[in-house]
PDB file of N, CA and C in Angstrom:
ATOM      1  N   MET A   1      -4.525 -11.240  13.342  1.00  0.00           N
ATOM      2  CA  MET A   1      -4.525 -10.750  11.979  1.00  0.00           C
ATOM      3  C   MET A   1      -3.067 -10.649  11.524  1.00  0.00           C
ATOM      4  N   GLY A   2      -2.752 -11.241  10.388  1.00  0.00           N
ATOM      5  CA  GLY A   2      -1.395 -11.234   9.863  1.00  0.00           C
ATOM      6  C   GLY A   2      -1.070  -9.908   9.196  1.00  0.00           C
ATOM      7  N   PRO A   3       0.191  -9.695   8.852  1.00  0.00           N
ATOM      8  CA  PRO A   3       0.583  -8.415   8.259  1.00  0.00           C
ATOM      9  C   PRO A   3      -0.088  -8.125   6.924  1.00  0.00           C
ATOM     10  N   VAL A   4      -0.305  -9.139   6.112  1.00  0.00           N
ATOM     11  CA  VAL A   4      -0.951  -8.907   4.811  1.00  0.00           C
ATOM     12  C   VAL A   4      -2.412  -8.535   5.022  1.00  0.00           C
ATOM     13  N   ALA A   5      -3.102  -9.287   5.855  1.00  0.00           N
ATOM     14  CA  ALA A   5      -4.504  -8.985   6.106  1.00  0.00           C
ATOM     15  C   ALA A   5      -4.651  -7.620   6.764  1.00  0.00           C
ATOM     16  N   GLY A   6      -3.749  -7.259   7.663  1.00  0.00           N
ATOM     17  CA  GLY A   6      -3.812  -5.965   8.326  1.00  0.00           C
ATOM     18  C   GLY A   6      -3.583  -4.814   7.374  1.00  0.00           C
ATOM     19  N   ARG A   7      -2.718  -5.017   6.406  1.00  0.00           N
ATOM     20  CA  ARG A   7      -2.400  -3.944   5.469  1.00  0.00           C
ATOM     21  C   ARG A   7      -3.481  -3.780   4.407  1.00  0.00           C
ATOM     22  N   TYR A   8      -4.044  -4.856   3.963  1.00  0.00           N
ATOM     23  CA  TYR A   8      -4.976  -4.797   2.825  1.00  0.00           C
ATOM     24  C   TYR A   8      -6.434  -5.017   3.203  1.00  0.00           C
ATOM     25  N   GLY A   9      -6.733  -5.326   4.430  1.00  0.00           N
ATOM     26  CA  GLY A   9      -8.114  -5.521   4.824  1.00  0.00           C
ATOM     27  C   GLY A   9      -8.207  -6.404   6.054  1.00  0.00           C
ATOM     28  N   SER A  10      -9.413  -6.837   6.370  1.00  0.00           N
ATOM     29  CA  SER A  10      -9.617  -7.646   7.555  1.00  0.00           C
ATOM     30  C   SER A  10      -9.288  -9.110   7.280  1.00  0.00           C
ATOM     31  N   ALA A  11      -9.085  -9.861   8.353  1.00  0.00           N
ATOM     32  CA  ALA A  11      -8.740 -11.275   8.230  1.00  0.00           C
ATOM     33  C   ALA A  11      -9.896 -12.080   7.633  1.00  0.00           C
ATOM     34  N   SER A  12     -11.092 -11.541   7.667  1.00  0.00           N
ATOM     35  CA  SER A  12     -12.249 -12.265   7.153  1.00  0.00           C
ATOM     36  C   SER A  12     -12.479 -12.063   5.653  1.00  0.00           C
ATOM     37  N   MET A  13     -11.622 -11.324   5.003  1.00  0.00           N
ATOM     38  CA  MET A  13     -11.794 -11.081   3.568  1.00  0.00           C
ATOM     39  C   MET A  13     -11.622 -12.379   2.785  1.00  0.00           C
ATOM     40  N   GLU A  14     -12.385 -12.489   1.742  1.00  0.00           N
ATOM     41  CA  GLU A  14     -12.245 -13.627   0.842  1.00  0.00           C
ATOM     42  C   GLU A  14     -10.929 -13.498   0.086  1.00  0.00           C
ATOM     43  N   HIS A  15     -10.416 -14.627  -0.406  1.00  0.00           N
ATOM     44  CA  HIS A  15      -9.150 -14.643  -1.132  1.00  0.00           C
ATOM     45  C   HIS A  15      -9.183 -13.690  -2.331  1.00  0.00           C
ATOM     46  N   GLU A  16     -10.253 -13.696  -3.098  1.00  0.00           N
ATOM     47  CA  GLU A  16     -10.369 -12.827  -4.273  1.00  0.00           C
ATOM     48  C   GLU A  16     -10.387 -11.354  -3.875  1.00  0.00           C
ATOM     49  N   ASP A  17     -11.077 -11.042  -2.774  1.00  0.00           N
ATOM     50  CA  ASP A  17     -11.116  -9.668  -2.303  1.00  0.00           C
ATOM     51  C   ASP A  17      -9.724  -9.197  -1.898  1.00  0.00           C
ATOM     52  N   LEU A  18      -8.969 -10.081  -1.270  1.00  0.00           N
ATOM     53  CA  LEU A  18      -7.620  -9.755  -0.853  1.00  0.00           C
ATOM     54  C   LEU A  18      -6.733  -9.494  -2.073  1.00  0.00           C
ATOM     55  N   LEU A  19      -6.832 -10.351  -3.089  1.00  0.00           N
ATOM     56  CA  LEU A  19      -6.044 -10.139  -4.313  1.00  0.00           C
ATOM     57  C   LEU A  19      -6.414  -8.826  -4.997  1.00  0.00           C
ATOM     58  N   LYS A  20      -7.702  -8.510  -5.009  1.00  0.00           N
ATOM     59  CA  LYS A  20      -8.160  -7.260  -5.616  1.00  0.00           C
ATOM     60  C   LYS A  20      -7.583  -6.061  -4.859  1.00  0.00           C
ATOM     61  N   ALA A  21      -7.594  -6.119  -3.540  1.00  0.00           N
ATOM     62  CA  ALA A  21      -7.054  -5.029  -2.733  1.00  0.00           C
ATOM     63  C   ALA A  21      -5.554  -4.856  -2.972  1.00  0.00           C
ATOM     64  N   ILE A  22      -4.835  -5.954  -3.135  1.00  0.00           N
ATOM     65  CA  ILE A  22      -3.400  -5.890  -3.402  1.00  0.00           C
ATOM     66  C   ILE A  22      -3.161  -5.240  -4.759  1.00  0.00           C
ATOM     67  N   ARG A  23      -3.917  -5.651  -5.773  1.00  0.00           N
ATOM     68  CA  ARG A  23      -3.771  -5.061  -7.105  1.00  0.00           C
ATOM     69  C   ARG A  23      -4.051  -3.558  -7.084  1.00  0.00           C
ATOM     70  N   GLU A  24      -5.104  -3.151  -6.367  1.00  0.00           N
ATOM     71  CA  GLU A  24      -5.438  -1.729  -6.279  1.00  0.00           C
ATOM     72  C   GLU A  24      -4.326  -0.950  -5.587  1.00  0.00           C
ATOM     73  N   SER A  25      -3.757  -1.546  -4.553  1.00  0.00           N
ATOM     74  CA  SER A  25      -2.656  -0.891  -3.846  1.00  0.00           C
ATOM     75  C   SER A  25      -1.447  -0.725  -4.766  1.00  0.00           C
ATOM     76  N   GLU A  26      -1.134  -1.756  -5.536  1.00  0.00           N
ATOM     77  CA  GLU A  26      -0.017  -1.680  -6.477  1.00  0.00           C
ATOM     78  C   GLU A  26      -0.270  -0.606  -7.530  1.00  0.00           C
ATOM     79  N   THR A  27      -1.508  -0.476  -7.967  1.00  0.00           N
ATOM     80  CA  THR A  27      -1.859   0.542  -8.957  1.00  0.00           C
ATOM     81  C   THR A  27      -1.655   1.935  -8.377  1.00  0.00           C
ATOM     82  N   ARG A  28      -2.066   2.134  -7.119  1.00  0.00           N
ATOM     83  CA  ARG A  28      -1.872   3.439  -6.479  1.00  0.00           C
ATOM     84  C   ARG A  28      -0.388   3.766  -6.374  1.00  0.00           C
ATOM     85  N   HIS A  29       0.427   2.774  -5.993  1.00  0.00           N
ATOM     86  CA  HIS A  29       1.862   3.008  -5.876  1.00  0.00           C
ATOM     87  C   HIS A  29       2.476   3.341  -7.240  1.00  0.00           C
ATOM     88  N   ALA A  30       2.025   2.675  -8.281  1.00  0.00           N
ATOM     89  CA  ALA A  30       2.522   2.962  -9.631  1.00  0.00           C
ATOM     90  C   ALA A  30       2.170   4.394 -10.017  1.00  0.00           C
ATOM     91  N   GLY A  31       0.978   4.838  -9.661  1.00  0.00           N
ATOM     92  CA  GLY A  31       0.562   6.203  -9.942  1.00  0.00           C
ATOM     93  C   GLY A  31       1.443   7.220  -9.239  1.00  0.00           C
ATOM     94  N   LEU A  32       1.818   6.926  -7.997  1.00  0.00           N
ATOM     95  CA  LEU A  32       2.707   7.825  -7.264  1.00  0.00           C
ATOM     96  C   LEU A  32       4.069   7.893  -7.927  1.00  0.00           C
ATOM     97  N   ASN A  33       4.556   6.780  -8.442  1.00  0.00           N
ATOM     98  CA  ASN A  33       5.835   6.781  -9.143  1.00  0.00           C
ATOM     99  C   ASN A  33       5.764   7.648 -10.392  1.00  0.00           C
ATOM    100  N   ASP A  34       4.626   7.585 -11.107  1.00  0.00           N
ATOM    101  CA  ASP A  34       4.447   8.407 -12.305  1.00  0.00           C
ATOM    102  C   ASP A  34       4.503   9.892 -11.946  1.00  0.00           C
ATOM    103  N   VAL A  35       3.868  10.274 -10.840  1.00  0.00           N
ATOM    104  CA  VAL A  35       3.870  11.670 -10.399  1.00  0.00           C
ATOM    105  C   VAL A  35       5.289  12.103 -10.052  1.00  0.00           C
ATOM    106  N   SER A  36       6.012  11.222  -9.367  1.00  0.00           N
ATOM    107  CA  SER A  36       7.392  11.529  -8.989  1.00  0.00           C
ATOM    108  C   SER A  36       8.258  11.739 -10.222  1.00  0.00           C
ATOM    109  N   GLU A  37       8.106  10.874 -11.212  1.00  0.00           N
ATOM    110  CA  GLU A  37       8.873  11.009 -12.457  1.00  0.00           C
ATOM    111  C   GLU A  37       8.521  12.309 -13.170  1.00  0.00           C
ATOM    112  N   LEU A  38       7.239  12.656 -13.182  1.00  0.00           N
ATOM    113  CA  LEU A  38       6.802  13.891 -13.832  1.00  0.00           C
ATOM    114  C   LEU A  38       7.422  15.097 -13.145  1.00  0.00           C
ATOM    115  N   ARG A  39       7.408  15.112 -11.806  1.00  0.00           N
ATOM    116  CA  ARG A  39       8.007  16.231 -11.071  1.00  0.00           C
ATOM    117  C   ARG A  39       9.495  16.320 -11.376  1.00  0.00           C
ATOM    118  N   SER A  40      10.151  15.185 -11.469  1.00  0.00           N
ATOM    119  CA  SER A  40      11.579  15.168 -11.773  1.00  0.00           C
ATOM    120  C   SER A  40      11.830  15.733 -13.168  1.00  0.00           C
ATOM    121  N   GLU A  41      11.008  15.353 -14.136  1.00  0.00           N
ATOM    122  CA  GLU A  41      11.140  15.867 -15.500  1.00  0.00           C
ATOM    123  C   GLU A  41      10.894  17.372 -15.533  1.00  0.00           C
ATOM    124  N   GLN A  42       9.903  17.845 -14.772  1.00  0.00           N
ATOM    125  CA  GLN A  42       9.620  19.277 -14.726  1.00  0.00           C
ATOM    126  C   GLN A  42      10.802  20.029 -14.114  1.00  0.00           C
ATOM    127  N   LEU A  43      11.359  19.490 -13.057  1.00  0.00           N
ATOM    128  CA  LEU A  43      12.502  20.126 -12.412  1.00  0.00           C
ATOM    129  C   LEU A  43      13.686  20.179 -13.366  1.00  0.00           C
ATOM    130  N   ASP A  44      13.942  19.070 -14.068  1.00  0.00           N
ATOM    131  CA  ASP A  44      15.038  19.049 -15.040  1.00  0.00           C
ATOM    132  C   ASP A  44      14.834  20.123 -16.112  1.00  0.00           C
ATOM    133  N   ALA A  45      13.599  20.260 -16.596  1.00  0.00           N
ATOM    134  CA  ALA A  45      13.311  21.255 -17.633  1.00  0.00           C
ATOM    135  C   ALA A  45      13.522  22.674 -17.098  1.00  0.00           C
ATOM    136  N   LEU A  46      13.094  22.930 -15.872  1.00  0.00           N
ATOM    137  CA  LEU A  46      13.296  24.254 -15.293  1.00  0.00           C
ATOM    138  C   LEU A  46      14.777  24.558 -15.096  1.00  0.00           C
ATOM    139  N   LEU A  47      15.525  23.563 -14.629  1.00  0.00           N
ATOM    140  CA  LEU A  47      16.958  23.773 -14.432  1.00  0.00           C
ATOM    141  C   LEU A  47      17.670  24.017 -15.756  1.00  0.00           C
ATOM    142  N   GLU A  48      17.272  23.285 -16.786  1.00  0.00           N
ATOM    143  CA  GLU A  48      17.867  23.484 -18.111  1.00  0.00           C
ATOM    144  C   GLU A  48      17.571  24.896 -18.626  1.00  0.00           C
ATOM    145  N   GLU A  49      16.343  25.336 -18.443  1.00  0.00           N
ATOM    146  CA  GLU A  49      15.963  26.681 -18.873  1.00  0.00           C
ATOM    147  C   GLU A  49      16.772  27.736 -18.107  1.00  0.00           C
ATOM    148  N   ALA A  50      16.932  27.537 -16.824  1.00  0.00           N
ATOM    149  CA  ALA A  50      17.683  28.483 -16.004  1.00  0.00           C
ATOM    150  C   ALA A  50      19.155  28.516 -16.407  1.00  0.00           C
ATOM    151  N   GLU A  51      19.700  27.361 -16.735  1.00  0.00           N
ATOM    152  CA  GLU A  51      21.100  27.332 -17.172  1.00  0.00           C
ATOM    153  C   GLU A  51      21.289  28.104 -18.471  1.00  0.00           C
ATOM    154  N   LYS A  52      20.299  28.037 -19.360  1.00  0.00           N
ATOM    155  CA  LYS A  52      20.370  28.790 -20.617  1.00  0.00           C
ATOM    156  C   LYS A  52      20.402  30.282 -20.337  1.00  0.00           C
ATOM    157  N   ILE A  53      19.626  30.691 -19.364  1.00  0.00           N
ATOM    158  CA  ILE A  53      19.599  32.113 -19.009  1.00  0.00           C
ATOM    159  C   ILE A  53      20.932  32.490 -18.357  1.00  0.00           C
ATOM    160  N   GLY A  54      21.488  31.573 -17.564  1.00  0.00           N
ATOM    161  CA  GLY A  54      22.781  31.809 -16.935  1.00  0.00           C
ATOM    162  C   GLY A  54      22.709  32.617 -15.658  1.00  0.00           C
ATOM    163  N   ASP A  55      21.542  32.827 -15.119  1.00  0.00           N
ATOM    164  CA  ASP A  55      21.374  33.624 -13.905  1.00  0.00           C
ATOM    165  C   ASP A  55      21.394  32.708 -12.685  1.00  0.00           C
ATOM    166  N   PRO A  56      22.376  32.855 -11.783  1.00  0.00           N
ATOM    167  CA  PRO A  56      22.447  31.989 -10.597  1.00  0.00           C
ATOM    168  C   PRO A  56      21.196  32.082  -9.717  1.00  0.00           C
ATOM    169  N   LEU A  57      20.609  33.262  -9.592  1.00  0.00           N
ATOM    170  CA  LEU A  57      19.391  33.384  -8.777  1.00  0.00           C
ATOM    171  C   LEU A  57      18.228  32.647  -9.424  1.00  0.00           C
ATOM    172  N   GLU A  58      18.143  32.681 -10.743  1.00  0.00           N
ATOM    173  CA  GLU A  58      17.082  31.977 -11.458  1.00  0.00           C
ATOM    174  C   GLU A  58      17.231  30.467 -11.259  1.00  0.00           C
ATOM    175  N   ARG A  59      18.457  29.962 -11.283  1.00  0.00           N
ATOM    176  CA  ARG A  59      18.692  28.525 -11.061  1.00  0.00           C
ATOM    177  C   ARG A  59      18.232  28.132  -9.665  1.00  0.00           C
ATOM    178  N   GLN A  60      18.521  28.968  -8.680  1.00  0.00           N
ATOM    179  CA  GLN A  60      18.103  28.648  -7.312  1.00  0.00           C
ATOM    180  C   GLN A  60      16.589  28.674  -7.200  1.00  0.00           C
ATOM    181  N   ARG A  61      15.940  29.638  -7.828  1.00  0.00           N
ATOM    182  CA  ARG A  61      14.477  29.713  -7.791  1.00  0.00           C
ATOM    183  C   ARG A  61      13.870  28.468  -8.443  1.00  0.00           C
ATOM    184  N   ALA A  62      14.435  28.053  -9.556  1.00  0.00           N
ATOM    185  CA  ALA A  62      13.928  26.884 -10.270  1.00  0.00           C
ATOM    186  C   ALA A  62      14.099  25.628  -9.429  1.00  0.00           C
ATOM    187  N   LYS A  63      15.199  25.497  -8.751  1.00  0.00           N
ATOM    188  CA  LYS A  63      15.431  24.324  -7.905  1.00  0.00           C
ATOM    189  C   LYS A  63      14.389  24.246  -6.800  1.00  0.00           C
ATOM    190  N   GLY A  64      14.032  25.373  -6.227  1.00  0.00           N
ATOM    191  CA  GLY A  64      13.115  25.381  -5.090  1.00  0.00           C
ATOM    192  C   GLY A  64      11.646  25.373  -5.457  1.00  0.00           C
ATOM    193  N   SER A  65      11.298  25.689  -6.685  1.00  0.00           N
ATOM    194  CA  SER A  65       9.892  25.875  -7.027  1.00  0.00           C
ATOM    195  C   SER A  65       9.071  24.588  -6.975  1.00  0.00           C
ATOM    196  N   LEU A  66       9.655  23.440  -7.233  1.00  0.00           N
ATOM    197  CA  LEU A  66       8.891  22.194  -7.214  1.00  0.00           C
ATOM    198  C   LEU A  66       9.125  21.383  -5.944  1.00  0.00           C
ATOM    199  N   LEU A  67       9.941  21.871  -5.042  1.00  0.00           N
ATOM    200  CA  LEU A  67      10.244  21.108  -3.842  1.00  0.00           C
ATOM    201  C   LEU A  67       9.285  21.410  -2.706  1.00  0.00           C
ATOM    202  N   ILE A  68       8.394  22.330  -2.891  1.00  0.00           N
ATOM    203  CA  ILE A  68       7.457  22.720  -1.835  1.00  0.00           C
ATOM    204  C   ILE A  68       6.328  21.723  -1.767  1.00  0.00           C
TER     205      ILE A  68
END
């Protein structure tokens, strides 16, 4: 079984099934990137809010709140 067949399905998969599995995998990866970008935007917003307050402890709390 080659690396592509091993990653996306069995060696006996039809060509169309293999292409479909690859597309679905790419869609899942794109979704993960969207989540990552959203978390980054949320973190940026929290840090900006904390900077407005000017409290060093608040900035540290904001930095750690989305990293868990």
